[in-house]
């Protein structure tokens, strides 16, 4: 029986990754997080990480409707 290996790091993004993905400064991501305006993060030890799917879903909620 073979076991499937899941690459968790591929789905988890650091603040640097999120900032690059959104085109903003890392401080902006931290500010949004502390203000409660950012997608939910996951803490693993001291690391704060975001699931790519959470960032994408968060972006979808902020997409303006076409006029």
C-alpha atoms as a PDB file:
ATOM      1  CA  UNK A   1       0.000   0.000   0.000  1.00  0.00           C
ATOM      2  CA  UNK A   2       1.540   3.311  -1.040  1.00  0.00           C
ATOM      3  CA  UNK A   3       1.005   6.480   0.932  1.00  0.00           C
ATOM      4  CA  UNK A   4       0.312   9.784  -0.711  1.00  0.00           C
ATOM      5  CA  UNK A   5       2.632  12.643   0.230  1.00  0.00           C
ATOM      6  CA  UNK A   6       1.031  16.050   0.538  1.00  0.00           C
ATOM      7  CA  UNK A   7       3.207  19.088  -0.027  1.00  0.00           C
ATOM      8  CA  UNK A   8       1.706  21.474   2.519  1.00  0.00           C
ATOM      9  CA  UNK A   9       4.238  24.229   1.770  1.00  0.00           C
ATOM     10  CA  UNK A  10       2.836  24.542  -1.760  1.00  0.00           C
ATOM     11  CA  UNK A  11      -0.513  25.645  -0.344  1.00  0.00           C
ATOM     12  CA  UNK A  12       0.743  27.824   2.515  1.00  0.00           C
ATOM     13  CA  UNK A  13       1.976  31.349   1.829  1.00  0.00           C
ATOM     14  CA  UNK A  14       4.198  33.577   3.935  1.00  0.00           C
ATOM     15  CA  UNK A  15       3.549  37.283   4.381  1.00  0.00           C
ATOM     16  CA  UNK A  16       6.191  37.876   1.708  1.00  0.00           C
ATOM     17  CA  UNK A  17       4.340  35.561  -0.696  1.00  0.00           C
ATOM     18  CA  UNK A  18       0.973  37.206   0.017  1.00  0.00           C
ATOM     19  CA  UNK A  19       2.395  40.706  -0.411  1.00  0.00           C
ATOM     20  CA  UNK A  20       3.947  39.729  -3.743  1.00  0.00           C
ATOM     21  CA  UNK A  21       0.712  38.077  -4.868  1.00  0.00           C
ATOM     22  CA  UNK A  22      -1.299  41.218  -4.034  1.00  0.00           C
ATOM     23  CA  UNK A  23       1.313  43.728  -5.177  1.00  0.00           C
ATOM     24  CA  UNK A  24       1.502  45.486  -1.805  1.00  0.00           C
ATOM     25  CA  UNK A  25       4.134  45.921   0.914  1.00  0.00           C
ATOM     26  CA  UNK A  26       4.493  43.303   3.653  1.00  0.00           C
ATOM     27  CA  UNK A  27       3.558  45.987   6.212  1.00  0.00           C
ATOM     28  CA  UNK A  28       0.260  46.475   4.393  1.00  0.00           C
ATOM     29  CA  UNK A  29      -0.556  42.768   4.785  1.00  0.00           C
ATOM     30  CA  UNK A  30       0.263  42.960   8.514  1.00  0.00           C
ATOM     31  CA  UNK A  31      -1.816  46.122   8.910  1.00  0.00           C
ATOM     32  CA  UNK A  32      -4.791  44.540   7.143  1.00  0.00           C
ATOM     33  CA  UNK A  33      -4.433  41.426   9.301  1.00  0.00           C
ATOM     34  CA  UNK A  34      -4.371  43.394  12.562  1.00  0.00           C
ATOM     35  CA  UNK A  35      -7.332  45.499  11.418  1.00  0.00           C
ATOM     36  CA  UNK A  36      -9.317  42.322  10.648  1.00  0.00           C
ATOM     37  CA  UNK A  37      -9.461  43.157   6.934  1.00  0.00           C
ATOM     38  CA  UNK A  38      -7.314  40.259   5.720  1.00  0.00           C
ATOM     39  CA  UNK A  39      -8.118  36.645   4.922  1.00  0.00           C
ATOM     40  CA  UNK A  40      -7.811  34.366   7.957  1.00  0.00           C
ATOM     41  CA  UNK A  41      -4.285  33.153   8.651  1.00  0.00           C
ATOM     42  CA  UNK A  42      -2.939  29.994  10.236  1.00  0.00           C
ATOM     43  CA  UNK A  43      -0.315  30.131  12.978  1.00  0.00           C
ATOM     44  CA  UNK A  44       2.181  27.293  13.103  1.00  0.00           C
ATOM     45  CA  UNK A  45       4.582  27.968  15.916  1.00  0.00           C
ATOM     46  CA  UNK A  46       5.658  31.565  15.423  1.00  0.00           C
ATOM     47  CA  UNK A  47       4.925  31.522  11.710  1.00  0.00           C
ATOM     48  CA  UNK A  48       1.831  33.186  10.298  1.00  0.00           C
ATOM     49  CA  UNK A  49       0.789  31.549   7.047  1.00  0.00           C
ATOM     50  CA  UNK A  50      -2.139  31.847   4.671  1.00  0.00           C
ATOM     51  CA  UNK A  51      -3.683  29.133   2.563  1.00  0.00           C
ATOM     52  CA  UNK A  52      -3.615  30.102  -1.100  1.00  0.00           C
ATOM     53  CA  UNK A  53      -7.304  29.160  -1.344  1.00  0.00           C
ATOM     54  CA  UNK A  54      -8.174  31.586   1.504  1.00  0.00           C
ATOM     55  CA  UNK A  55      -6.352  34.448  -0.235  1.00  0.00           C
ATOM     56  CA  UNK A  56      -8.087  33.671  -3.527  1.00  0.00           C
ATOM     57  CA  UNK A  57     -11.504  33.504  -1.830  1.00  0.00           C
ATOM     58  CA  UNK A  58     -10.770  36.768   0.012  1.00  0.00           C
ATOM     59  CA  UNK A  59      -9.885  38.405  -3.304  1.00  0.00           C
ATOM     60  CA  UNK A  60     -13.137  37.157  -4.842  1.00  0.00           C
ATOM     61  CA  UNK A  61     -15.123  38.952  -2.122  1.00  0.00           C
ATOM     62  CA  UNK A  62     -13.375  42.206  -3.000  1.00  0.00           C
ATOM     63  CA  UNK A  63     -13.870  42.059  -6.740  1.00  0.00           C
ATOM     64  CA  UNK A  64     -16.091  44.892  -7.896  1.00  0.00           C
ATOM     65  CA  UNK A  65     -19.103  44.074 -10.032  1.00  0.00           C
ATOM     66  CA  UNK A  66     -18.885  45.098 -13.654  1.00  0.00           C
ATOM     67  CA  UNK A  67     -20.977  48.091 -14.557  1.00  0.00           C
END
